Amino acid sequence: MNFPPQLQQKIEKWASSQGISTEQFVLQAIAEKIDTLSQQVTEEHTQQNSEMTRQRQVQ
């Protein structure tokens, strides 16, 4: 992938400090972001389900 030069330098720095390739670093970063977003969606659905259950109990 083509990243802006400043971002590319940061990626290379962090990848090097972890002893992995830039490709591995980017893949790990993407996987972590997807996992975080998935957890947020799951939590939101859990909260929505709890609210719907509470509303049904009130009725």
C-alpha atoms as a PDB file:
ATOM      1  CA  MET A   1       0.000   0.000   0.000  1.00  0.00           C
ATOM      2  CA  ASN A   2       1.095   3.563  -0.549  1.00  0.00           C
ATOM      3  CA  PHE A   3       1.024   5.643   2.602  1.00  0.00           C
ATOM      4  CA  PRO A   4       1.920   9.299   3.032  1.00  0.00           C
ATOM      5  CA  PRO A   5       5.680   9.520   3.720  1.00  0.00           C
ATOM      6  CA  GLN A   6       5.310  10.610   7.343  1.00  0.00           C
ATOM      7  CA  LEU A   7       2.932   7.729   8.113  1.00  0.00           C
ATOM      8  CA  GLN A   8       5.186   5.279   6.247  1.00  0.00           C
ATOM      9  CA  GLN A   9       8.107   6.322   8.455  1.00  0.00           C
ATOM     10  CA  LYS A  10       6.055   5.731  11.597  1.00  0.00           C
ATOM     11  CA  ILE A  11       4.925   2.329  10.342  1.00  0.00           C
ATOM     12  CA  GLU A  12       8.515   1.346   9.564  1.00  0.00           C
ATOM     13  CA  LYS A  13       9.702   2.564  12.979  1.00  0.00           C
ATOM     14  CA  TRP A  14       7.049   0.641  14.912  1.00  0.00           C
ATOM     15  CA  ALA A  15       7.384  -2.487  12.785  1.00  0.00           C
ATOM     16  CA  SER A  16      11.137  -2.468  13.247  1.00  0.00           C
ATOM     17  CA  SER A  17      10.827  -1.981  17.009  1.00  0.00           C
ATOM     18  CA  GLN A  18       8.599  -5.063  17.131  1.00  0.00           C
ATOM     19  CA  GLY A  19      10.843  -7.095  14.847  1.00  0.00           C
ATOM     20  CA  ILE A  20       8.203  -7.571  12.157  1.00  0.00           C
ATOM     21  CA  SER A  21       7.771  -6.463   8.569  1.00  0.00           C
ATOM     22  CA  THR A  22       5.796  -3.359   7.696  1.00  0.00           C
ATOM     23  CA  GLU A  23       3.208  -5.606   6.039  1.00  0.00           C
ATOM     24  CA  GLN A  24       2.789  -7.643   9.218  1.00  0.00           C
ATOM     25  CA  PHE A  25       2.496  -4.464  11.268  1.00  0.00           C
ATOM     26  CA  VAL A  26      -0.220  -3.043   9.011  1.00  0.00           C
ATOM     27  CA  LEU A  27      -2.129  -6.338   9.013  1.00  0.00           C
ATOM     28  CA  GLN A  28      -1.988  -6.528  12.806  1.00  0.00           C
ATOM     29  CA  ALA A  29      -3.139  -2.920  13.118  1.00  0.00           C
ATOM     30  CA  ILE A  30      -6.077  -3.558  10.802  1.00  0.00           C
ATOM     31  CA  ALA A  31      -7.001  -6.773  12.625  1.00  0.00           C
ATOM     32  CA  GLU A  32      -6.902  -4.968  15.992  1.00  0.00           C
ATOM     33  CA  LYS A  33      -9.103  -2.163  14.662  1.00  0.00           C
ATOM     34  CA  ILE A  34     -11.636  -4.634  13.258  1.00  0.00           C
ATOM     35  CA  ASP A  35     -11.689  -6.504  16.573  1.00  0.00           C
ATOM     36  CA  THR A  36     -12.268  -3.270  18.492  1.00  0.00           C
ATOM     37  CA  LEU A  37     -15.098  -2.221  16.180  1.00  0.00           C
ATOM     38  CA  SER A  38     -16.664  -5.679  16.406  1.00  0.00           C
ATOM     39  CA  GLN A  39     -16.582  -5.530  20.199  1.00  0.00           C
ATOM     40  CA  GLN A  40     -18.210  -2.086  20.146  1.00  0.00           C
ATOM     41  CA  VAL A  41     -20.997  -3.313  17.880  1.00  0.00           C
ATOM     42  CA  THR A  42     -21.563  -6.350  20.103  1.00  0.00           C
ATOM     43  CA  GLU A  43     -21.741  -4.126  23.189  1.00  0.00           C
ATOM     44  CA  GLU A  44     -24.178  -1.763  21.455  1.00  0.00           C
ATOM     45  CA  HIS A  45     -26.419  -4.670  20.456  1.00  0.00           C
ATOM     46  CA  THR A  46     -26.300  -6.024  24.007  1.00  0.00           C
ATOM     47  CA  GLN A  47     -27.300  -2.624  25.389  1.00  0.00           C
ATOM     48  CA  GLN A  48     -30.113  -2.276  22.846  1.00  0.00           C
ATOM     49  CA  ASN A  49     -31.421  -5.740  23.704  1.00  0.00           C
ATOM     50  CA  SER A  50     -31.313  -4.912  27.423  1.00  0.00           C
ATOM     51  CA  GLU A  51     -33.223  -1.685  26.850  1.00  0.00           C
ATOM     52  CA  MET A  52     -35.856  -3.468  24.756  1.00  0.00           C
ATOM     53  CA  THR A  53     -36.244  -6.116  27.459  1.00  0.00           C
ATOM     54  CA  ARG A  54     -36.677  -3.411  30.125  1.00  0.00           C
ATOM     55  CA  GLN A  55     -39.263  -1.618  28.010  1.00  0.00           C
ATOM     56  CA  ARG A  56     -41.254  -4.824  27.572  1.00  0.00           C
ATOM     57  CA  GLN A  57     -41.188  -5.433  31.309  1.00  0.00           C
ATOM     58  CA  VAL A  58     -42.532  -1.936  31.987  1.00  0.00           C
ATOM     59  CA  GLN A  59     -45.464  -2.416  29.591  1.00  0.00           C
END
